[in-house]
């Protein structure tokens, strides 16, 4: 995501708290499990995918954006 950073550690913590493995979360998002791993390490994620991921986690994108 260009221009904005996101709190990838928070994303990972919430995914785990809700009981999703990287594999099950990837399946729900329609992406490869390796993509979840990369996203949780802070690598690039599109706004659309971040939006889908946060929707599945029951939060808003804004909660994950940092300055």
C-alpha atoms as a PDB file:
ATOM      1  CA  UNK A   1       0.000   0.000   0.000  1.00  0.00           C
ATOM      2  CA  UNK A   2       1.713   3.179  -1.148  1.00  0.00           C
ATOM      3  CA  UNK A   3       1.715   6.298   0.988  1.00  0.00           C
ATOM      4  CA  UNK A   4       0.372   4.729   4.161  1.00  0.00           C
ATOM      5  CA  UNK A   5       1.851   2.176   6.485  1.00  0.00           C
ATOM      6  CA  UNK A   6      -0.238  -0.441   8.222  1.00  0.00           C
ATOM      7  CA  UNK A   7       0.189  -2.173  11.578  1.00  0.00           C
ATOM      8  CA  UNK A   8       0.995  -5.678  10.364  1.00  0.00           C
ATOM      9  CA  UNK A   9       1.694  -6.958  13.898  1.00  0.00           C
ATOM     10  CA  UNK A  10      -1.822  -5.980  14.946  1.00  0.00           C
ATOM     11  CA  UNK A  11      -3.204  -7.767  11.898  1.00  0.00           C
ATOM     12  CA  UNK A  12      -1.356 -10.946  12.868  1.00  0.00           C
ATOM     13  CA  UNK A  13      -2.433 -10.746  16.536  1.00  0.00           C
ATOM     14  CA  UNK A  14      -6.097 -10.314  15.624  1.00  0.00           C
ATOM     15  CA  UNK A  15      -5.978 -13.155  13.094  1.00  0.00           C
ATOM     16  CA  UNK A  16      -4.567 -15.474  15.746  1.00  0.00           C
ATOM     17  CA  UNK A  17      -6.992 -14.247  18.420  1.00  0.00           C
ATOM     18  CA  UNK A  18      -9.894 -15.127  16.129  1.00  0.00           C
ATOM     19  CA  UNK A  19      -8.484 -18.617  15.584  1.00  0.00           C
ATOM     20  CA  UNK A  20      -7.449 -18.283  11.945  1.00  0.00           C
ATOM     21  CA  UNK A  21      -4.285 -19.988  10.797  1.00  0.00           C
ATOM     22  CA  UNK A  22      -2.449 -18.352   7.913  1.00  0.00           C
ATOM     23  CA  UNK A  23      -3.826 -21.091   5.667  1.00  0.00           C
ATOM     24  CA  UNK A  24      -7.473 -20.725   6.702  1.00  0.00           C
ATOM     25  CA  UNK A  25      -7.250 -16.939   6.612  1.00  0.00           C
ATOM     26  CA  UNK A  26      -5.689 -17.053   3.144  1.00  0.00           C
ATOM     27  CA  UNK A  27      -8.511 -19.305   1.941  1.00  0.00           C
ATOM     28  CA  UNK A  28     -11.114 -16.846   3.258  1.00  0.00           C
ATOM     29  CA  UNK A  29      -9.304 -13.963   1.519  1.00  0.00           C
ATOM     30  CA  UNK A  30      -8.809 -15.889  -1.707  1.00  0.00           C
ATOM     31  CA  UNK A  31      -5.020 -15.593  -1.641  1.00  0.00           C
ATOM     32  CA  UNK A  32      -2.008 -17.884  -1.258  1.00  0.00           C
ATOM     33  CA  UNK A  33      -0.942 -18.644   2.345  1.00  0.00           C
ATOM     34  CA  UNK A  34       2.514 -17.280   1.538  1.00  0.00           C
ATOM     35  CA  UNK A  35       0.891 -13.927   0.840  1.00  0.00           C
ATOM     36  CA  UNK A  36      -0.495 -13.793   4.382  1.00  0.00           C
ATOM     37  CA  UNK A  37       2.990 -14.479   5.702  1.00  0.00           C
ATOM     38  CA  UNK A  38       4.498 -11.673   3.617  1.00  0.00           C
ATOM     39  CA  UNK A  39       1.771  -9.233   4.620  1.00  0.00           C
ATOM     40  CA  UNK A  40       2.331 -10.069   8.288  1.00  0.00           C
ATOM     41  CA  UNK A  41       6.009  -9.249   7.835  1.00  0.00           C
ATOM     42  CA  UNK A  42       5.086  -5.788   6.630  1.00  0.00           C
ATOM     43  CA  UNK A  43       5.506  -6.294   2.904  1.00  0.00           C
ATOM     44  CA  UNK A  44       3.270  -4.641   0.316  1.00  0.00           C
ATOM     45  CA  UNK A  45      -0.482  -5.128   0.489  1.00  0.00           C
ATOM     46  CA  UNK A  46      -3.050  -3.490  -1.766  1.00  0.00           C
ATOM     47  CA  UNK A  47      -5.751  -1.375  -0.206  1.00  0.00           C
ATOM     48  CA  UNK A  48      -8.403  -3.716  -1.630  1.00  0.00           C
ATOM     49  CA  UNK A  49      -6.847  -6.766  -0.014  1.00  0.00           C
ATOM     50  CA  UNK A  50      -6.298  -4.985   3.289  1.00  0.00           C
ATOM     51  CA  UNK A  51      -9.946  -3.948   3.167  1.00  0.00           C
ATOM     52  CA  UNK A  52     -11.030  -7.560   2.639  1.00  0.00           C
ATOM     53  CA  UNK A  53      -8.756  -8.839   5.395  1.00  0.00           C
ATOM     54  CA  UNK A  54     -10.008  -6.307   7.930  1.00  0.00           C
ATOM     55  CA  UNK A  55     -13.617  -7.019   6.935  1.00  0.00           C
ATOM     56  CA  UNK A  56     -13.068 -10.691   7.737  1.00  0.00           C
ATOM     57  CA  UNK A  57     -11.499  -9.717  11.053  1.00  0.00           C
ATOM     58  CA  UNK A  58     -14.447  -7.456  11.928  1.00  0.00           C
ATOM     59  CA  UNK A  59     -12.511  -4.183  12.052  1.00  0.00           C
ATOM     60  CA  UNK A  60     -11.906  -1.216   9.745  1.00  0.00           C
ATOM     61  CA  UNK A  61      -8.867  -0.466   7.608  1.00  0.00           C
ATOM     62  CA  UNK A  62      -8.451   2.802   9.486  1.00  0.00           C
ATOM     63  CA  UNK A  63      -7.683   0.860  12.682  1.00  0.00           C
ATOM     64  CA  UNK A  64      -4.606  -0.611  10.970  1.00  0.00           C
ATOM     65  CA  UNK A  65      -3.208   2.491   9.282  1.00  0.00           C
ATOM     66  CA  UNK A  66      -0.298   4.266  10.927  1.00  0.00           C
ATOM     67  CA  UNK A  67       1.186   7.712  10.285  1.00  0.00           C
END
